[in-house]
Amino acid sequence: MSDTPACIEQRVFLSVSRDRVWAALTNADDFAAWWGGPIDRELEAGRTIVLTHGGRPYTFEVVEMVEPERLTWRWHPGERHAVTDYSGEEKTYVSFTLAPFHDGVLLSIRETGFDVPPLSLRQQAYADNVRGWAMQAAALMRHFDP
């Protein structure tokens, strides 16, 4: 049994409209502006997207888009080694949930499934993504309040 939790959760309050946050999450140009790297196409449920971060490509599949409330994708959380074949590995689910809160939006970022990847990858992927989601939440905050 692993000591690695199954889930990462990050919450951030953004004092902008839900439509603006939704656009930042789903429009390719807006996404690239805060993520720190481009995506290869607009997000759409059922599409496979390639995003670049730190000079590396990451692939995710858009599972669900419920405008302007929820975006869900799945990906390989440890997909950081170009020479490793991740095709046989289980994926985690990332969900962005937008809820009205006072005069803005409470954005919840949740990645689940860290209890599924092989033990050899699990702890490192979890640690990397805890740091990564904290950085991405801060980048999104700066995007709206430069």
C-alpha atoms as a PDB file:
ATOM      1  CA  MET A   1       0.000   0.000   0.000  1.00  0.00           C
ATOM      2  CA  SER A   2       1.278   3.450  -0.878  1.00  0.00           C
ATOM      3  CA  ASP A   3       1.472   6.521   1.310  1.00  0.00           C
ATOM      4  CA  THR A   4       0.593   8.636  -1.739  1.00  0.00           C
ATOM      5  CA  PRO A   5      -2.842  10.291  -1.506  1.00  0.00           C
ATOM      6  CA  ALA A   6      -5.246   9.565  -4.359  1.00  0.00           C
ATOM      7  CA  CYS A   7      -6.134  13.207  -5.029  1.00  0.00           C
ATOM      8  CA  ILE A   8      -4.672  16.700  -5.357  1.00  0.00           C
ATOM      9  CA  GLU A   9      -6.949  19.673  -4.726  1.00  0.00           C
ATOM     10  CA  GLN A  10      -6.187  23.326  -5.318  1.00  0.00           C
ATOM     11  CA  ARG A  11      -8.713  26.135  -4.848  1.00  0.00           C
ATOM     12  CA  VAL A  12      -8.367  29.725  -5.912  1.00  0.00           C
ATOM     13  CA  PHE A  13     -10.664  32.737  -5.746  1.00  0.00           C
ATOM     14  CA  LEU A  14     -10.683  34.903  -8.861  1.00  0.00           C
ATOM     15  CA  SER A  15     -12.407  38.283  -8.782  1.00  0.00           C
ATOM     16  CA  VAL A  16     -13.563  38.130 -12.404  1.00  0.00           C
ATOM     17  CA  SER A  17     -16.637  36.739 -14.137  1.00  0.00           C
ATOM     18  CA  ARG A  18     -17.139  33.027 -14.620  1.00  0.00           C
ATOM     19  CA  ASP A  19     -17.217  33.607 -18.388  1.00  0.00           C
ATOM     20  CA  ARG A  20     -13.700  35.103 -18.269  1.00  0.00           C
ATOM     21  CA  VAL A  21     -12.381  32.173 -16.241  1.00  0.00           C
ATOM     22  CA  TRP A  22     -14.084  29.720 -18.594  1.00  0.00           C
ATOM     23  CA  ALA A  23     -12.423  31.415 -21.578  1.00  0.00           C
ATOM     24  CA  ALA A  24      -9.026  31.216 -19.870  1.00  0.00           C
ATOM     25  CA  LEU A  25      -9.513  27.470 -19.415  1.00  0.00           C
ATOM     26  CA  THR A  26     -10.947  26.626 -22.823  1.00  0.00           C
ATOM     27  CA  ASN A  27      -9.755  29.134 -25.442  1.00  0.00           C
ATOM     28  CA  ALA A  28      -6.389  28.113 -26.915  1.00  0.00           C
ATOM     29  CA  ASP A  29      -4.855  31.615 -26.870  1.00  0.00           C
ATOM     30  CA  ASP A  30      -6.139  32.439 -23.372  1.00  0.00           C
ATOM     31  CA  PHE A  31      -4.986  29.048 -22.082  1.00  0.00           C
ATOM     32  CA  ALA A  32      -1.486  29.565 -23.480  1.00  0.00           C
ATOM     33  CA  ALA A  33      -1.288  33.031 -21.883  1.00  0.00           C
ATOM     34  CA  TRP A  34      -1.508  31.709 -18.311  1.00  0.00           C
ATOM     35  CA  TRP A  35      -0.339  28.114 -18.715  1.00  0.00           C
ATOM     36  CA  GLY A  36       3.063  29.180 -19.962  1.00  0.00           C
ATOM     37  CA  GLY A  37       2.961  27.295 -23.237  1.00  0.00           C
ATOM     38  CA  PRO A  38       0.715  26.743 -26.223  1.00  0.00           C
ATOM     39  CA  ILE A  39      -1.893  24.106 -26.907  1.00  0.00           C
ATOM     40  CA  ASP A  40      -2.301  22.758 -30.407  1.00  0.00           C
ATOM     41  CA  ARG A  41      -6.064  23.363 -30.821  1.00  0.00           C
ATOM     42  CA  GLU A  42      -9.237  24.584 -29.178  1.00  0.00           C
ATOM     43  CA  LEU A  43     -10.611  22.399 -26.409  1.00  0.00           C
ATOM     44  CA  GLU A  44     -13.650  20.313 -27.253  1.00  0.00           C
ATOM     45  CA  ALA A  45     -15.072  17.227 -25.541  1.00  0.00           C
ATOM     46  CA  GLY A  46     -13.603  14.110 -27.119  1.00  0.00           C
ATOM     47  CA  ARG A  47     -10.530  15.886 -28.497  1.00  0.00           C
ATOM     48  CA  THR A  48      -6.923  15.020 -27.762  1.00  0.00           C
ATOM     49  CA  ILE A  49      -4.885  18.145 -27.019  1.00  0.00           C
ATOM     50  CA  VAL A  50      -1.120  18.595 -26.889  1.00  0.00           C
ATOM     51  CA  LEU A  51       0.116  21.311 -24.580  1.00  0.00           C
ATOM     52  CA  THR A  52       3.687  22.427 -24.232  1.00  0.00           C
ATOM     53  CA  HIS A  53       5.137  23.317 -20.870  1.00  0.00           C
ATOM     54  CA  GLY A  54       8.799  23.777 -20.066  1.00  0.00           C
ATOM     55  CA  GLY A  55       9.602  22.818 -23.638  1.00  0.00           C
ATOM     56  CA  ARG A  56       7.950  19.392 -23.244  1.00  0.00           C
ATOM     57  CA  PRO A  57       4.749  18.146 -24.860  1.00  0.00           C
ATOM     58  CA  TYR A  58       1.977  16.785 -22.635  1.00  0.00           C
ATOM     59  CA  THR A  59      -1.087  15.093 -24.097  1.00  0.00           C
ATOM     60  CA  PHE A  60      -4.545  15.153 -22.552  1.00  0.00           C
ATOM     61  CA  GLU A  61      -7.984  14.033 -23.629  1.00  0.00           C
ATOM     62  CA  VAL A  62     -10.897  16.392 -23.008  1.00  0.00           C
ATOM     63  CA  VAL A  63     -13.555  14.288 -21.306  1.00  0.00           C
ATOM     64  CA  GLU A  64     -16.223  16.838 -20.461  1.00  0.00           C
ATOM     65  CA  MET A  65     -17.030  20.507 -20.996  1.00  0.00           C
ATOM     66  CA  VAL A  66     -20.078  21.927 -19.224  1.00  0.00           C
ATOM     67  CA  GLU A  67     -19.951  25.647 -19.956  1.00  0.00           C
ATOM     68  CA  PRO A  68     -19.223  27.607 -17.756  1.00  0.00           C
ATOM     69  CA  GLU A  69     -19.139  25.153 -14.849  1.00  0.00           C
ATOM     70  CA  ARG A  70     -16.786  22.244 -15.416  1.00  0.00           C
ATOM     71  CA  LEU A  71     -13.913  21.092 -17.615  1.00  0.00           C
ATOM     72  CA  THR A  72     -12.478  17.595 -17.207  1.00  0.00           C
ATOM     73  CA  TRP A  73      -9.528  15.980 -18.910  1.00  0.00           C
ATOM     74  CA  ARG A  74      -7.436  12.868 -18.417  1.00  0.00           C
ATOM     75  CA  TRP A  75      -3.714  12.427 -18.862  1.00  0.00           C
ATOM     76  CA  HIS A  76      -0.654  10.540 -17.704  1.00  0.00           C
ATOM     77  CA  PRO A  77       0.512  12.459 -14.618  1.00  0.00           C
ATOM     78  CA  GLY A  78       4.130  11.380 -14.957  1.00  0.00           C
ATOM     79  CA  GLU A  79       4.396  12.031 -18.704  1.00  0.00           C
ATOM     80  CA  ARG A  80       7.638  13.913 -18.420  1.00  0.00           C
ATOM     81  CA  HIS A  81      10.196  11.528 -19.885  1.00  0.00           C
ATOM     82  CA  ALA A  82      10.273  11.614 -23.685  1.00  0.00           C
ATOM     83  CA  VAL A  83      11.767   8.116 -23.902  1.00  0.00           C
ATOM     84  CA  THR A  84       9.128   6.417 -21.727  1.00  0.00           C
ATOM     85  CA  ASP A  85       6.096   4.771 -23.336  1.00  0.00           C
ATOM     86  CA  TYR A  86       3.065   5.750 -21.242  1.00  0.00           C
ATOM     87  CA  SER A  87       0.449   4.166 -23.504  1.00  0.00           C
ATOM     88  CA  GLY A  88      -0.115   1.243 -21.118  1.00  0.00           C
ATOM     89  CA  GLU A  89      -0.294   3.381 -17.977  1.00  0.00           C
ATOM     90  CA  GLU A  90      -3.530   4.442 -16.302  1.00  0.00           C
ATOM     91  CA  LYS A  91      -4.429   8.127 -16.526  1.00  0.00           C
ATOM     92  CA  THR A  92      -5.552  10.568 -13.882  1.00  0.00           C
ATOM     93  CA  TYR A  93      -8.558  12.862 -14.207  1.00  0.00           C
ATOM     94  CA  VAL A  94      -8.193  16.628 -13.880  1.00  0.00           C
ATOM     95  CA  SER A  95     -11.317  18.681 -13.271  1.00  0.00           C
ATOM     96  CA  PHE A  96     -11.760  22.431 -13.135  1.00  0.00           C
ATOM     97  CA  THR A  97     -14.995  23.423 -11.407  1.00  0.00           C
ATOM     98  CA  LEU A  98     -16.153  27.050 -11.451  1.00  0.00           C
ATOM     99  CA  ALA A  99     -18.637  28.220  -8.840  1.00  0.00           C
ATOM    100  CA  PRO A 100     -19.934  31.749  -8.283  1.00  0.00           C
ATOM    101  CA  PHE A 101     -18.529  33.094  -5.019  1.00  0.00           C
ATOM    102  CA  HIS A 102     -19.215  36.608  -3.736  1.00  0.00           C
ATOM    103  CA  ASP A 103     -18.211  38.929  -6.590  1.00  0.00           C
ATOM    104  CA  GLY A 104     -16.104  36.401  -8.460  1.00  0.00           C
ATOM    105  CA  VAL A 105     -15.419  32.710  -8.970  1.00  0.00           C
ATOM    106  CA  LEU A 106     -14.139  29.939  -6.771  1.00  0.00           C
ATOM    107  CA  LEU A 107     -12.127  27.676  -9.049  1.00  0.00           C
ATOM    108  CA  SER A 108     -11.432  24.168  -7.793  1.00  0.00           C
ATOM    109  CA  ILE A 109      -8.728  22.179  -9.541  1.00  0.00           C
ATOM    110  CA  ARG A 110      -8.818  18.504  -8.655  1.00  0.00           C
ATOM    111  CA  GLU A 111      -6.668  15.677  -9.984  1.00  0.00           C
ATOM    112  CA  THR A 112      -7.718  12.166  -9.010  1.00  0.00           C
ATOM    113  CA  GLY A 113      -6.350   8.709  -9.639  1.00  0.00           C
ATOM    114  CA  PHE A 114      -2.946   8.739  -7.998  1.00  0.00           C
ATOM    115  CA  ASP A 115      -3.870   5.443  -6.382  1.00  0.00           C
ATOM    116  CA  VAL A 116      -3.887   3.847  -9.869  1.00  0.00           C
ATOM    117  CA  PRO A 117      -0.485   4.467 -11.561  1.00  0.00           C
ATOM    118  CA  PRO A 118       2.273   1.953 -10.910  1.00  0.00           C
ATOM    119  CA  LEU A 119       4.007   2.478  -7.582  1.00  0.00           C
ATOM    120  CA  SER A 120       7.269   3.287  -9.381  1.00  0.00           C
ATOM    121  CA  LEU A 121       5.686   6.447 -10.860  1.00  0.00           C
ATOM    122  CA  ARG A 122       3.028   7.324  -8.304  1.00  0.00           C
ATOM    123  CA  GLN A 123       4.961   9.199  -5.625  1.00  0.00           C
ATOM    124  CA  GLN A 124       7.037  11.272  -8.043  1.00  0.00           C
ATOM    125  CA  ALA A 125       4.044  12.120 -10.249  1.00  0.00           C
ATOM    126  CA  TYR A 126       2.013  13.149  -7.191  1.00  0.00           C
ATOM    127  CA  ALA A 127       4.830  15.343  -5.800  1.00  0.00           C
ATOM    128  CA  ASP A 128       5.444  16.937  -9.214  1.00  0.00           C
ATOM    129  CA  ASN A 129       1.760  17.696  -9.726  1.00  0.00           C
ATOM    130  CA  VAL A 130       1.211  19.112  -6.227  1.00  0.00           C
ATOM    131  CA  ARG A 131       3.892  21.672  -7.062  1.00  0.00           C
ATOM    132  CA  GLY A 132       2.654  22.044 -10.619  1.00  0.00           C
ATOM    133  CA  TRP A 133      -0.968  22.805  -9.730  1.00  0.00           C
ATOM    134  CA  ALA A 134       0.118  25.356  -7.124  1.00  0.00           C
ATOM    135  CA  MET A 135       2.217  27.064  -9.814  1.00  0.00           C
ATOM    136  CA  GLN A 136      -0.595  26.930 -12.384  1.00  0.00           C
ATOM    137  CA  ALA A 137      -3.151  28.334  -9.919  1.00  0.00           C
ATOM    138  CA  ALA A 138      -0.766  31.223  -9.161  1.00  0.00           C
ATOM    139  CA  ALA A 139      -0.225  31.787 -12.897  1.00  0.00           C
ATOM    140  CA  LEU A 140      -3.971  31.935 -13.463  1.00  0.00           C
ATOM    141  CA  MET A 141      -4.327  34.474 -10.656  1.00  0.00           C
ATOM    142  CA  ARG A 142      -1.589  36.629 -12.248  1.00  0.00           C
ATOM    143  CA  HIS A 143      -3.329  36.301 -15.612  1.00  0.00           C
ATOM    144  CA  PHE A 144      -6.333  38.170 -14.230  1.00  0.00           C
ATOM    145  CA  ASP A 145      -4.415  40.547 -11.951  1.00  0.00           C
ATOM    146  CA  PRO A 146      -1.049  41.271 -13.615  1.00  0.00           C
END
